[in-house]
Protein backbone atom coordinates (compact mmCIF):
# COMPACT_ATOMS: atom_id res chain seq x y z
CA GLN A 1 166.21 71.27 -44.86
CA VAL A 2 169.96 72.28 -44.60
CA GLN A 3 172.25 69.60 -43.42
CA LEU A 4 175.62 70.01 -41.67
CA VAL A 5 178.00 67.30 -41.37
CA GLU A 6 180.86 67.56 -39.22
CA SER A 7 184.19 65.15 -39.47
CA GLY A 8 187.68 64.99 -38.39
CA GLY A 9 187.11 64.51 -34.68
CA GLY A 10 189.31 61.58 -32.77
CA LEU A 11 191.66 60.50 -29.68
CA VAL A 12 194.85 62.80 -29.63
CA GLN A 13 197.49 63.32 -27.27
CA ALA A 14 197.86 66.69 -25.38
CA GLY A 15 199.93 68.84 -27.54
CA GLY A 16 198.74 67.48 -30.57
CA SER A 17 196.46 68.68 -33.74
CA LEU A 18 193.29 68.02 -35.48
CA ARG A 19 191.24 69.58 -38.17
CA LEU A 20 187.60 69.59 -38.10
CA SER A 21 185.35 69.98 -41.26
CA CYS A 22 181.92 70.97 -41.39
CA THR A 23 179.97 70.80 -44.84
CA SER A 24 176.62 71.99 -45.62
CA SER A 25 174.11 70.76 -48.03
CA GLU A 26 173.57 74.11 -49.20
CA SER A 27 175.72 76.94 -50.20
CA ILE A 28 177.43 78.89 -47.70
CA ALA A 29 178.69 81.69 -49.81
CA ASN A 30 176.13 84.31 -48.00
CA SER A 31 176.18 82.82 -44.80
CA ASP A 32 177.32 85.76 -42.31
CA ALA A 33 177.48 83.60 -39.21
CA LEU A 34 178.86 80.15 -39.08
CA GLY A 35 180.48 78.85 -35.94
CA TRP A 36 181.77 75.78 -33.94
CA PHE A 37 180.66 75.17 -30.75
CA ARG A 38 181.72 72.52 -27.91
CA GLN A 39 179.94 70.60 -25.34
CA ALA A 40 181.84 68.59 -22.62
CA PRO A 41 179.79 66.25 -20.21
CA GLY A 42 177.93 68.15 -17.61
CA LYS A 43 178.74 71.65 -19.04
CA GLN A 44 176.89 74.22 -21.24
CA ARG A 45 177.75 74.07 -24.83
CA GLY A 46 179.75 77.27 -25.64
CA LEU A 47 181.42 79.27 -28.83
CA VAL A 48 184.49 78.12 -29.55
CA ALA A 49 185.03 80.45 -32.88
CA ALA A 50 182.74 81.92 -35.35
CA ILE A 51 183.41 83.51 -39.06
CA SER A 52 181.65 85.96 -40.86
CA ALA A 53 180.93 86.14 -44.80
CA ALA A 54 183.77 88.48 -45.24
CA GLY A 55 186.09 85.94 -43.37
CA VAL A 56 186.32 88.09 -39.98
CA ALA A 57 186.99 85.56 -37.39
CA ASN A 58 186.22 85.47 -33.47
CA TYR A 59 187.47 83.33 -30.87
CA ALA A 60 186.49 82.09 -27.30
CA ASP A 61 189.54 83.11 -24.99
CA SER A 62 190.32 79.71 -23.88
CA VAL A 63 191.30 78.89 -27.59
CA GLU A 64 192.81 81.95 -29.00
CA GLY A 65 196.09 81.38 -30.39
CA ARG A 66 195.34 77.94 -30.79
CA PHE A 67 192.75 77.21 -32.94
CA THR A 68 191.94 78.66 -36.53
CA ILE A 69 188.42 78.94 -37.88
CA SER A 70 188.36 79.16 -42.08
CA ARG A 71 185.99 78.61 -44.82
CA ASP A 72 185.68 77.52 -48.31
CA ASN A 73 182.94 78.67 -49.89
CA ALA A 74 183.42 76.79 -53.25
CA LYS A 75 183.17 73.69 -51.23
CA ASN A 76 180.33 74.45 -48.89
CA THR A 77 182.60 73.83 -45.89
CA ILE A 78 184.06 75.63 -42.68
CA TYR A 79 187.20 74.35 -40.90
CA LEU A 80 188.46 74.18 -37.48
CA GLN A 81 192.33 73.88 -37.21
CA MET A 82 193.05 72.89 -33.51
CA ASN A 83 196.64 73.00 -32.47
CA ASP A 84 198.28 72.43 -29.05
CA LEU A 85 195.28 70.67 -27.80
CA LYS A 86 194.85 70.21 -24.23
CA PRO A 87 192.67 67.88 -22.07
CA GLU A 88 190.30 70.50 -21.41
CA ASP A 89 189.82 70.61 -25.15
CA THR A 90 187.64 67.24 -25.16
CA ALA A 91 184.22 67.78 -25.96
CA LEU A 92 181.77 67.12 -28.69
CA TYR A 93 182.31 70.07 -31.21
CA LEU A 94 179.32 71.04 -33.27
CA CYS A 95 179.01 73.43 -36.10
CA ALA A 96 176.32 75.79 -36.73
CA ASP A 97 174.79 78.74 -39.06
CA LEU A 98 173.80 80.99 -36.30
CA LEU A 99 171.42 83.09 -38.33
CA ASN A 100 169.40 80.12 -39.75
CA HIS A 101 169.64 78.26 -36.67
CA TYR A 102 170.97 75.04 -38.27
CA TRP A 103 173.12 72.73 -36.18
CA GLY A 104 175.34 69.60 -37.09
CA HIS A 105 175.33 66.29 -34.93
CA GLY A 106 178.76 66.87 -34.06
CA THR A 107 182.16 65.21 -33.84
CA GLN A 108 184.14 63.99 -30.72
CA VAL A 109 187.21 65.48 -29.83
CA THR A 110 189.34 63.52 -27.08
CA VAL A 111 192.45 64.96 -25.68
CA SER A 112 194.35 62.40 -23.64
CA SER A 113 196.95 63.67 -21.13
């Protein structure tokens, strides 16, 4: 069973930055749909950003221009650089291998105003 482990969450003030990491227990080199999702209390889980094996990235409109997804195949890790954070970005952030339906347990991001 593949394991995805997220890290890097925390408490930050509005306007601040965080970088999330998600490390897989297996090689991600051929994983074509890796992504970050988030879920706030009482809200549905939603896609934040996704990246293909070729490195093509897609973003939710709400984070476009502020967040950057990247991958390091040598480290079996994907990242989410989050800048200019807003209180509405507060959520549990989870990474996923969308094609194989693997999910991590998430890392909490809290943005104070």
